[in-house]
Amino acid sequence: MKFISTAELKRDTNKLIKANDRGEVFIVTRHGKPRSILQPVDENSLEQVLFEKSPVVRDAVLEGLADLKRGRKASLDEYVNERKKRKNRIITARAA
């Protein structure tokens, strides 16, 4: 694990991403204080990262699991159509 500044990140982004692809992890600092972590992510770990870091994704997954426990199931087409209806209701309500 290596500490890098935001200036290094900006200047050497491609080089750092290539090193990241090889498994290197970087702590990005600003004014000497840690601000973020640059770590490798692949298709397999992306789902876990989204679940851990995105409240929207986590809530949707947990809602879906609760629906399954209650025996509530829908096809993908039914789900997509329901989401479109919800989105249209939100847009209509905002326009009013």
PDB file of N, CA and C in Angstrom:
ATOM      1  N   MET A   1       0.851  -1.167   0.000  1.00  0.00           N
ATOM      2  CA  MET A   1       0.000   0.000   0.000  1.00  0.00           C
ATOM      3  C   MET A   1       0.897   1.230   0.000  1.00  0.00           C
ATOM      4  N   LYS A   2       0.545   2.171  -0.864  1.00  0.00           N
ATOM      5  CA  LYS A   2       1.363   3.367  -1.006  1.00  0.00           C
ATOM      6  C   LYS A   2       0.476   4.604  -0.853  1.00  0.00           C
ATOM      7  N   PHE A   3       1.013   5.636  -0.237  1.00  0.00           N
ATOM      8  CA  PHE A   3       0.311   6.898  -0.110  1.00  0.00           C
ATOM      9  C   PHE A   3       0.674   7.779  -1.306  1.00  0.00           C
ATOM     10  N   ILE A   4      -0.334   8.370  -1.931  1.00  0.00           N
ATOM     11  CA  ILE A   4      -0.102   9.289  -3.045  1.00  0.00           C
ATOM     12  C   ILE A   4      -0.943  10.532  -2.834  1.00  0.00           C
ATOM     13  N   SER A   5      -0.476  11.645  -3.339  1.00  0.00           N
ATOM     14  CA  SER A   5      -1.231  12.893  -3.218  1.00  0.00           C
ATOM     15  C   SER A   5      -2.244  13.003  -4.358  1.00  0.00           C
ATOM     16  N   THR A   6      -3.192  13.909  -4.190  1.00  0.00           N
ATOM     17  CA  THR A   6      -4.157  14.140  -5.274  1.00  0.00           C
ATOM     18  C   THR A   6      -3.437  14.649  -6.512  1.00  0.00           C
ATOM     19  N   ALA A   7      -2.346  15.387  -6.325  1.00  0.00           N
ATOM     20  CA  ALA A   7      -1.569  15.876  -7.472  1.00  0.00           C
ATOM     21  C   ALA A   7      -0.951  14.698  -8.237  1.00  0.00           C
ATOM     22  N   GLU A   8      -0.413  13.710  -7.494  1.00  0.00           N
ATOM     23  CA  GLU A   8       0.137  12.510  -8.148  1.00  0.00           C
ATOM     24  C   GLU A   8      -0.960  11.744  -8.879  1.00  0.00           C
ATOM     25  N   LEU A   9      -2.111  11.639  -8.270  1.00  0.00           N
ATOM     26  CA  LEU A   9      -3.232  10.941  -8.891  1.00  0.00           C
ATOM     27  C   LEU A   9      -3.620  11.613 -10.204  1.00  0.00           C
ATOM     28  N   LYS A  10      -3.686  12.931 -10.168  1.00  0.00           N
ATOM     29  CA  LYS A  10      -4.046  13.676 -11.379  1.00  0.00           C
ATOM     30  C   LYS A  10      -2.977  13.519 -12.463  1.00  0.00           C
ATOM     31  N   ARG A  11      -1.736  13.631 -12.074  1.00  0.00           N
ATOM     32  CA  ARG A  11      -0.634  13.587 -13.031  1.00  0.00           C
ATOM     33  C   ARG A  11      -0.397  12.185 -13.596  1.00  0.00           C
ATOM     34  N   ASP A  12      -0.518  11.166 -12.752  1.00  0.00           N
ATOM     35  CA  ASP A  12      -0.130   9.802 -13.136  1.00  0.00           C
ATOM     36  C   ASP A  12      -1.301   8.821 -13.144  1.00  0.00           C
ATOM     37  N   THR A  13      -2.483   9.287 -13.473  1.00  0.00           N
ATOM     38  CA  THR A  13      -3.678   8.442 -13.382  1.00  0.00           C
ATOM     39  C   THR A  13      -3.520   7.120 -14.121  1.00  0.00           C
ATOM     40  N   ASN A  14      -3.128   7.151 -15.388  1.00  0.00           N
ATOM     41  CA  ASN A  14      -3.011   5.905 -16.159  1.00  0.00           C
ATOM     42  C   ASN A  14      -1.996   4.951 -15.550  1.00  0.00           C
ATOM     43  N   LYS A  15      -0.865   5.471 -15.122  1.00  0.00           N
ATOM     44  CA  LYS A  15       0.166   4.633 -14.501  1.00  0.00           C
ATOM     45  C   LYS A  15      -0.357   3.997 -13.215  1.00  0.00           C
ATOM     46  N   LEU A  16      -1.080   4.774 -12.426  1.00  0.00           N
ATOM     47  CA  LEU A  16      -1.606   4.257 -11.166  1.00  0.00           C
ATOM     48  C   LEU A  16      -2.703   3.219 -11.395  1.00  0.00           C
ATOM     49  N   ILE A  17      -3.534   3.433 -12.400  1.00  0.00           N
ATOM     50  CA  ILE A  17      -4.576   2.454 -12.720  1.00  0.00           C
ATOM     51  C   ILE A  17      -3.946   1.137 -13.172  1.00  0.00           C
ATOM     52  N   LYS A  18      -2.885   1.215 -13.966  1.00  0.00           N
ATOM     53  CA  LYS A  18      -2.198  -0.010 -14.393  1.00  0.00           C
ATOM     54  C   LYS A  18      -1.608  -0.740 -13.186  1.00  0.00           C
ATOM     55  N   ALA A  19      -1.010   0.007 -12.257  1.00  0.00           N
ATOM     56  CA  ALA A  19      -0.472  -0.609 -11.042  1.00  0.00           C
ATOM     57  C   ALA A  19      -1.612  -1.192 -10.208  1.00  0.00           C
ATOM     58  N   ASN A  20      -2.723  -0.490 -10.178  1.00  0.00           N
ATOM     59  CA  ASN A  20      -3.915  -0.961  -9.474  1.00  0.00           C
ATOM     60  C   ASN A  20      -4.407  -2.268 -10.075  1.00  0.00           C
ATOM     61  N   ASP A  21      -4.354  -2.376 -11.398  1.00  0.00           N
ATOM     62  CA  ASP A  21      -4.740  -3.614 -12.087  1.00  0.00           C
ATOM     63  C   ASP A  21      -3.857  -4.788 -11.666  1.00  0.00           C
ATOM     64  N   ARG A  22      -2.634  -4.487 -11.284  1.00  0.00           N
ATOM     65  CA  ARG A  22      -1.715  -5.542 -10.819  1.00  0.00           C
ATOM     66  C   ARG A  22      -1.897  -5.840  -9.331  1.00  0.00           C
ATOM     67  N   GLY A  23      -2.855  -5.183  -8.709  1.00  0.00           N
ATOM     68  CA  GLY A  23      -3.168  -5.468  -7.311  1.00  0.00           C
ATOM     69  C   GLY A  23      -2.686  -4.439  -6.312  1.00  0.00           C
ATOM     70  N   GLU A  24      -2.000  -3.401  -6.762  1.00  0.00           N
ATOM     71  CA  GLU A  24      -1.517  -2.384  -5.824  1.00  0.00           C
ATOM     72  C   GLU A  24      -2.683  -1.529  -5.331  1.00  0.00           C
ATOM     73  N   VAL A  25      -2.609  -1.159  -4.073  1.00  0.00           N
ATOM     74  CA  VAL A  25      -3.625  -0.322  -3.444  1.00  0.00           C
ATOM     75  C   VAL A  25      -2.977   0.996  -3.055  1.00  0.00           C
ATOM     76  N   PHE A  26      -3.692   2.088  -3.269  1.00  0.00           N
ATOM     77  CA  PHE A  26      -3.166   3.418  -2.968  1.00  0.00           C
ATOM     78  C   PHE A  26      -4.108   4.159  -2.036  1.00  0.00           C
ATOM     79  N   ILE A  27      -3.531   4.837  -1.056  1.00  0.00           N
ATOM     80  CA  ILE A  27      -4.270   5.764  -0.211  1.00  0.00           C
ATOM     81  C   ILE A  27      -4.025   7.146  -0.797  1.00  0.00           C
ATOM     82  N   VAL A  28      -5.088   7.812  -1.184  1.00  0.00           N
ATOM     83  CA  VAL A  28      -4.969   9.148  -1.780  1.00  0.00           C
ATOM     84  C   VAL A  28      -5.092  10.179  -0.665  1.00  0.00           C
ATOM     85  N   THR A  29      -4.118  11.085  -0.616  1.00  0.00           N
ATOM     86  CA  THR A  29      -4.109  12.113   0.425  1.00  0.00           C
ATOM     87  C   THR A  29      -4.310  13.495  -0.178  1.00  0.00           C
ATOM     88  N   ARG A  30      -4.870  14.375   0.635  1.00  0.00           N
ATOM     89  CA  ARG A  30      -4.963  15.791   0.271  1.00  0.00           C
ATOM     90  C   ARG A  30      -4.481  16.579   1.479  1.00  0.00           C
ATOM     91  N   HIS A  31      -3.503  17.422   1.249  1.00  0.00           N
ATOM     92  CA  HIS A  31      -2.870  18.189   2.324  1.00  0.00           C
ATOM     93  C   HIS A  31      -2.343  17.255   3.412  1.00  0.00           C
ATOM     94  N   GLY A  32      -1.838  16.076   2.982  1.00  0.00           N
ATOM     95  CA  GLY A  32      -1.219  15.132   3.885  1.00  0.00           C
ATOM     96  C   GLY A  32      -2.178  14.248   4.668  1.00  0.00           C
ATOM     97  N   LYS A  33      -3.483  14.417   4.448  1.00  0.00           N
ATOM     98  CA  LYS A  33      -4.464  13.618   5.177  1.00  0.00           C
ATOM     99  C   LYS A  33      -5.147  12.630   4.236  1.00  0.00           C
ATOM    100  N   PRO A  34      -5.346  11.400   4.682  1.00  0.00           N
ATOM    101  CA  PRO A  34      -6.002  10.406   3.822  1.00  0.00           C
ATOM    102  C   PRO A  34      -7.420  10.823   3.472  1.00  0.00           C
ATOM    103  N   ARG A  35      -7.764  10.670   2.173  1.00  0.00           N
ATOM    104  CA  ARG A  35      -9.091  11.065   1.702  1.00  0.00           C
ATOM    105  C   ARG A  35      -9.838   9.941   0.999  1.00  0.00           C
ATOM    106  N   SER A  36      -9.123   9.054   0.335  1.00  0.00           N
ATOM    107  CA  SER A  36      -9.796   7.961  -0.364  1.00  0.00           C
ATOM    108  C   SER A  36      -8.811   6.822  -0.605  1.00  0.00           C
ATOM    109  N   ILE A  37      -9.376   5.714  -1.049  1.00  0.00           N
ATOM    110  CA  ILE A  37      -8.578   4.532  -1.357  1.00  0.00           C
ATOM    111  C   ILE A  37      -8.815   4.158  -2.805  1.00  0.00           C
ATOM    112  N   LEU A  38      -7.731   3.913  -3.514  1.00  0.00           N
ATOM    113  CA  LEU A  38      -7.800   3.422  -4.889  1.00  0.00           C
ATOM    114  C   LEU A  38      -7.426   1.947  -4.825  1.00  0.00           C
ATOM    115  N   GLN A  39      -8.420   1.086  -5.041  1.00  0.00           N
ATOM    116  CA  GLN A  39      -8.170  -0.346  -4.947  1.00  0.00           C
ATOM    117  C   GLN A  39      -8.785  -1.052  -6.144  1.00  0.00           C
ATOM    118  N   PRO A  40      -8.242  -2.216  -6.481  1.00  0.00           N
ATOM    119  CA  PRO A  40      -8.758  -2.950  -7.632  1.00  0.00           C
ATOM    120  C   PRO A  40     -10.203  -3.413  -7.412  1.00  0.00           C
ATOM    121  N   VAL A  41     -10.971  -3.368  -8.484  1.00  0.00           N
ATOM    122  CA  VAL A  41     -12.338  -3.874  -8.481  1.00  0.00           C
ATOM    123  C   VAL A  41     -12.538  -4.644  -9.771  1.00  0.00           C
ATOM    124  N   ASP A  42     -13.119  -5.831  -9.660  1.00  0.00           N
ATOM    125  CA  ASP A  42     -13.469  -6.582 -10.867  1.00  0.00           C
ATOM    126  C   ASP A  42     -14.960  -6.887 -10.832  1.00  0.00           C
ATOM    127  N   GLU A  43     -15.445  -7.585 -11.832  1.00  0.00           N
ATOM    128  CA  GLU A  43     -16.875  -7.870 -11.915  1.00  0.00           C
ATOM    129  C   GLU A  43     -17.373  -8.624 -10.685  1.00  0.00           C
ATOM    130  N   ASN A  44     -16.525  -9.500 -10.154  1.00  0.00           N
ATOM    131  CA  ASN A  44     -16.938 -10.296  -9.002  1.00  0.00           C
ATOM    132  C   ASN A  44     -17.033  -9.467  -7.724  1.00  0.00           C
ATOM    133  N   SER A  45     -16.115  -8.530  -7.537  1.00  0.00           N
ATOM    134  CA  SER A  45     -16.126  -7.745  -6.301  1.00  0.00           C
ATOM    135  C   SER A  45     -16.987  -6.487  -6.417  1.00  0.00           C
ATOM    136  N   LEU A  46     -17.349  -6.075  -7.620  1.00  0.00           N
ATOM    137  CA  LEU A  46     -18.150  -4.868  -7.801  1.00  0.00           C
ATOM    138  C   LEU A  46     -19.481  -4.977  -7.077  1.00  0.00           C
ATOM    139  N   GLU A  47     -20.119  -6.143  -7.170  1.00  0.00           N
ATOM    140  CA  GLU A  47     -21.405  -6.337  -6.507  1.00  0.00           C
ATOM    141  C   GLU A  47     -21.267  -6.108  -5.006  1.00  0.00           C
ATOM    142  N   GLN A  48     -20.227  -6.635  -4.406  1.00  0.00           N
ATOM    143  CA  GLN A  48     -20.014  -6.465  -2.971  1.00  0.00           C
ATOM    144  C   GLN A  48     -19.754  -5.002  -2.623  1.00  0.00           C
ATOM    145  N   VAL A  49     -18.950  -4.327  -3.441  1.00  0.00           N
ATOM    146  CA  VAL A  49     -18.651  -2.912  -3.198  1.00  0.00           C
ATOM    147  C   VAL A  49     -19.929  -2.082  -3.285  1.00  0.00           C
ATOM    148  N   LEU A  50     -20.743  -2.323  -4.319  1.00  0.00           N
ATOM    149  CA  LEU A  50     -21.995  -1.579  -4.459  1.00  0.00           C
ATOM    150  C   LEU A  50     -22.919  -1.830  -3.282  1.00  0.00           C
ATOM    151  N   PHE A  51     -23.001  -3.075  -2.853  1.00  0.00           N
ATOM    152  CA  PHE A  51     -23.872  -3.413  -1.735  1.00  0.00           C
ATOM    153  C   PHE A  51     -23.410  -2.721  -0.457  1.00  0.00           C
ATOM    154  N   GLU A  52     -22.104  -2.692  -0.229  1.00  0.00           N
ATOM    155  CA  GLU A  52     -21.568  -2.085   0.986  1.00  0.00           C
ATOM    156  C   GLU A  52     -21.633  -0.559   0.963  1.00  0.00           C
ATOM    157  N   LYS A  53     -21.402   0.043  -0.205  1.00  0.00           N
ATOM    158  CA  LYS A  53     -21.226   1.494  -0.272  1.00  0.00           C
ATOM    159  C   LYS A  53     -22.416   2.271  -0.811  1.00  0.00           C
ATOM    160  N   SER A  54     -23.377   1.611  -1.433  1.00  0.00           N
ATOM    161  CA  SER A  54     -24.502   2.324  -2.023  1.00  0.00           C
ATOM    162  C   SER A  54     -25.786   2.005  -1.262  1.00  0.00           C
ATOM    163  N   PRO A  55     -26.311   2.969  -0.507  1.00  0.00           N
ATOM    164  CA  PRO A  55     -27.553   2.724   0.214  1.00  0.00           C
ATOM    165  C   PRO A  55     -28.714   2.390  -0.733  1.00  0.00           C
ATOM    166  N   VAL A  56     -28.716   2.970  -1.914  1.00  0.00           N
ATOM    167  CA  VAL A  56     -29.790   2.709  -2.873  1.00  0.00           C
ATOM    168  C   VAL A  56     -29.770   1.249  -3.306  1.00  0.00           C
ATOM    169  N   VAL A  57     -28.594   0.750  -3.666  1.00  0.00           N
ATOM    170  CA  VAL A  57     -28.469  -0.646  -4.091  1.00  0.00           C
ATOM    171  C   VAL A  57     -28.789  -1.575  -2.926  1.00  0.00           C
ATOM    172  N   ARG A  58     -28.223  -1.281  -1.764  1.00  0.00           N
ATOM    173  CA  ARG A  58     -28.447  -2.129  -0.588  1.00  0.00           C
ATOM    174  C   ARG A  58     -29.933  -2.188  -0.249  1.00  0.00           C
ATOM    175  N   ASP A  59     -30.608  -1.042  -0.230  1.00  0.00           N
ATOM    176  CA  ASP A  59     -32.037  -1.016   0.103  1.00  0.00           C
ATOM    177  C   ASP A  59     -32.860  -1.789  -0.922  1.00  0.00           C
ATOM    178  N   ALA A  60     -32.498  -1.671  -2.217  1.00  0.00           N
ATOM    179  CA  ALA A  60     -33.230  -2.392  -3.256  1.00  0.00           C
ATOM    180  C   ALA A  60     -33.065  -3.897  -3.095  1.00  0.00           C
ATOM    181  N   VAL A  61     -31.855  -4.343  -2.787  1.00  0.00           N
ATOM    182  CA  VAL A  61     -31.612  -5.781  -2.601  1.00  0.00           C
ATOM    183  C   VAL A  61     -32.368  -6.282  -1.376  1.00  0.00           C
ATOM    184  N   LEU A  62     -32.296  -5.551  -0.280  1.00  0.00           N
ATOM    185  CA  LEU A  62     -32.987  -5.973   0.933  1.00  0.00           C
ATOM    186  C   LEU A  62     -34.504  -5.980   0.740  1.00  0.00           C
ATOM    187  N   GLU A  63     -35.020  -5.001  -0.001  1.00  0.00           N
ATOM    188  CA  GLU A  63     -36.454  -4.968  -0.310  1.00  0.00           C
ATOM    189  C   GLU A  63     -36.845  -6.197  -1.140  1.00  0.00           C
ATOM    190  N   GLY A  64     -36.005  -6.533  -2.115  1.00  0.00           N
ATOM    191  CA  GLY A  64     -36.270  -7.703  -2.943  1.00  0.00           C
ATOM    192  C   GLY A  64     -36.249  -8.993  -2.137  1.00  0.00           C
ATOM    193  N   LEU A  65     -35.293  -9.109  -1.228  1.00  0.00           N
ATOM    194  CA  LEU A  65     -35.227 -10.306  -0.376  1.00  0.00           C
ATOM    195  C   LEU A  65     -36.454 -10.415   0.530  1.00  0.00           C
ATOM    196  N   ALA A  66     -36.903  -9.277   1.056  1.00  0.00           N
ATOM    197  CA  ALA A  66     -38.108  -9.280   1.896  1.00  0.00           C
ATOM    198  C   ALA A  66     -39.324  -9.705   1.074  1.00  0.00           C
ATOM    199  N   ASP A  67     -39.409  -9.217  -0.164  1.00  0.00           N
ATOM    200  CA  ASP A  67     -40.508  -9.620  -1.048  1.00  0.00           C
ATOM    201  C   ASP A  67     -40.490 -11.127  -1.286  1.00  0.00           C
ATOM    202  N   LEU A  68     -39.315 -11.681  -1.521  1.00  0.00           N
ATOM    203  CA  LEU A  68     -39.206 -13.126  -1.742  1.00  0.00           C
ATOM    204  C   LEU A  68     -39.677 -13.914  -0.516  1.00  0.00           C
ATOM    205  N   LYS A  69     -39.301 -13.441   0.667  1.00  0.00           N
ATOM    206  CA  LYS A  69     -39.722 -14.127   1.895  1.00  0.00           C
ATOM    207  C   LYS A  69     -41.240 -14.113   2.050  1.00  0.00           C
ATOM    208  N   ARG A  70     -41.871 -13.022   1.574  1.00  0.00           N
ATOM    209  CA  ARG A  70     -43.334 -12.919   1.650  1.00  0.00           C
ATOM    210  C   ARG A  70     -44.025 -13.647   0.498  1.00  0.00           C
ATOM    211  N   GLY A  71     -43.228 -14.261  -0.375  1.00  0.00           N
ATOM    212  CA  GLY A  71     -43.805 -14.983  -1.503  1.00  0.00           C
ATOM    213  C   GLY A  71     -44.167 -14.092  -2.678  1.00  0.00           C
ATOM    214  N   ARG A  72     -43.767 -12.842  -2.610  1.00  0.00           N
ATOM    215  CA  ARG A  72     -44.067 -11.886  -3.683  1.00  0.00           C
ATOM    216  C   ARG A  72     -42.988 -12.002  -4.751  1.00  0.00           C
ATOM    217  N   LYS A  73     -43.396 -12.404  -5.947  1.00  0.00           N
ATOM    218  CA  LYS A  73     -42.453 -12.583  -7.046  1.00  0.00           C
ATOM    219  C   LYS A  73     -43.001 -11.913  -8.290  1.00  0.00           C
ATOM    220  N   ALA A  74     -42.099 -11.513  -9.182  1.00  0.00           N
ATOM    221  CA  ALA A  74     -42.504 -10.887 -10.445  1.00  0.00           C
ATOM    222  C   ALA A  74     -41.470 -11.239 -11.505  1.00  0.00           C
ATOM    223  N   SER A  75     -41.917 -11.266 -12.745  1.00  0.00           N
ATOM    224  CA  SER A  75     -40.979 -11.469 -13.848  1.00  0.00           C
ATOM    225  C   SER A  75     -40.187 -10.185 -14.051  1.00  0.00           C
ATOM    226  N   LEU A  76     -39.120 -10.274 -14.787  1.00  0.00           N
ATOM    227  CA  LEU A  76     -38.320  -9.084 -15.070  1.00  0.00           C
ATOM    228  C   LEU A  76     -39.150  -8.035 -15.802  1.00  0.00           C
ATOM    229  N   ASP A  77     -39.953  -8.457 -16.777  1.00  0.00           N
ATOM    230  CA  ASP A  77     -40.801  -7.506 -17.509  1.00  0.00           C
ATOM    231  C   ASP A  77     -41.782  -6.800 -16.579  1.00  0.00           C
ATOM    232  N   GLU A  78     -42.391  -7.555 -15.654  1.00  0.00           N
ATOM    233  CA  GLU A  78     -43.322  -6.949 -14.700  1.00  0.00           C
ATOM    234  C   GLU A  78     -42.598  -5.925 -13.822  1.00  0.00           C
ATOM    235  N   TYR A  79     -41.412  -6.280 -13.392  1.00  0.00           N
ATOM    236  CA  TYR A  79     -40.628  -5.374 -12.545  1.00  0.00           C
ATOM    237  C   TYR A  79     -40.273  -4.089 -13.297  1.00  0.00           C
ATOM    238  N   VAL A  80     -39.789  -4.233 -14.526  1.00  0.00           N
ATOM    239  CA  VAL A  80     -39.404  -3.065 -15.327  1.00  0.00           C
ATOM    240  C   VAL A  80     -40.611  -2.170 -15.568  1.00  0.00           C
ATOM    241  N   ASN A  81     -41.747  -2.749 -15.890  1.00  0.00           N
ATOM    242  CA  ASN A  81     -42.960  -1.955 -16.115  1.00  0.00           C
ATOM    243  C   ASN A  81     -43.385  -1.221 -14.854  1.00  0.00           C
ATOM    244  N   GLU A  82     -43.287  -1.873 -13.700  1.00  0.00           N
ATOM    245  CA  GLU A  82     -43.641  -1.227 -12.441  1.00  0.00           C
ATOM    246  C   GLU A  82     -42.700  -0.064 -12.140  1.00  0.00           C
ATOM    247  N   ARG A  83     -41.403  -0.262 -12.391  1.00  0.00           N
ATOM    248  CA  ARG A  83     -40.437   0.828 -12.167  1.00  0.00           C
ATOM    249  C   ARG A  83     -40.728   2.023 -13.065  1.00  0.00           C
ATOM    250  N   LYS A  84     -41.111   1.748 -14.322  1.00  0.00           N
ATOM    251  CA  LYS A  84     -41.461   2.833 -15.250  1.00  0.00           C
ATOM    252  C   LYS A  84     -42.680   3.601 -14.746  1.00  0.00           C
ATOM    253  N   LYS A  85     -43.680   2.880 -14.242  1.00  0.00           N
ATOM    254  CA  LYS A  85     -44.881   3.529 -13.705  1.00  0.00           C
ATOM    255  C   LYS A  85     -44.523   4.425 -12.524  1.00  0.00           C
ATOM    256  N   ARG A  86     -43.676   3.891 -11.605  1.00  0.00           N
ATOM    257  CA  ARG A  86     -43.255   4.694 -10.444  1.00  0.00           C
ATOM    258  C   ARG A  86     -42.526   5.949 -10.881  1.00  0.00           C
ATOM    259  N   LYS A  87     -41.612   5.799 -11.853  1.00  0.00           N
ATOM    260  CA  LYS A  87     -40.836   6.936 -12.339  1.00  0.00           C
ATOM    261  C   LYS A  87     -41.758   7.977 -12.964  1.00  0.00           C
ATOM    262  N   ASN A  88     -42.723   7.536 -13.757  1.00  0.00           N
ATOM    263  CA  ASN A  88     -43.660   8.467 -14.392  1.00  0.00           C
ATOM    264  C   ASN A  88     -44.511   9.195 -13.353  1.00  0.00           C
ATOM    265  N   ARG A  89     -44.894   8.495 -12.288  1.00  0.00           N
ATOM    266  CA  ARG A  89     -45.676   9.156 -11.222  1.00  0.00           C
ATOM    267  C   ARG A  89     -44.834  10.227 -10.531  1.00  0.00           C
ATOM    268  N   ILE A  90     -43.574   9.950 -10.308  1.00  0.00           N
ATOM    269  CA  ILE A  90     -42.687  10.923  -9.663  1.00  0.00           C
ATOM    270  C   ILE A  90     -42.496  12.135 -10.565  1.00  0.00           C
ATOM    271  N   ILE A  91     -42.249  11.900 -11.845  1.00  0.00           N
ATOM    272  CA  ILE A  91     -42.060  13.003 -12.790  1.00  0.00           C
ATOM    273  C   ILE A  91     -43.323  13.844 -12.894  1.00  0.00           C
ATOM    274  N   THR A  92     -44.483  13.197 -12.967  1.00  0.00           N
ATOM    275  CA  THR A  92     -45.772  13.907 -13.056  1.00  0.00           C
ATOM    276  C   THR A  92     -45.999  14.729 -11.803  1.00  0.00           C
ATOM    277  N   ALA A  93     -45.694  14.156 -10.633  1.00  0.00           N
ATOM    278  CA  ALA A  93     -45.898  14.877  -9.367  1.00  0.00           C
ATOM    279  C   ALA A  93     -44.983  16.093  -9.276  1.00  0.00           C
ATOM    280  N   ARG A  94     -43.757  15.973  -9.755  1.00  0.00           N
ATOM    281  CA  ARG A  94     -42.825  17.109  -9.719  1.00  0.00           C
ATOM    282  C   ARG A  94     -43.257  18.219 -10.660  1.00  0.00           C
ATOM    283  N   ALA A  95     -43.853  17.855 -11.772  1.00  0.00           N
ATOM    284  CA  ALA A  95     -44.284  18.843 -12.771  1.00  0.00           C
ATOM    285  C   ALA A  95     -45.499  19.620 -12.295  1.00  0.00           C
ATOM    286  N   ALA A  96     -46.267  19.012 -11.402  1.00  0.00           N
ATOM    287  CA  ALA A  96     -47.515  19.658 -10.932  1.00  0.00           C
ATOM    288  C   ALA A  96     -47.259  20.785  -9.972  1.00  0.00           C
TER     289      ALA A  96
END
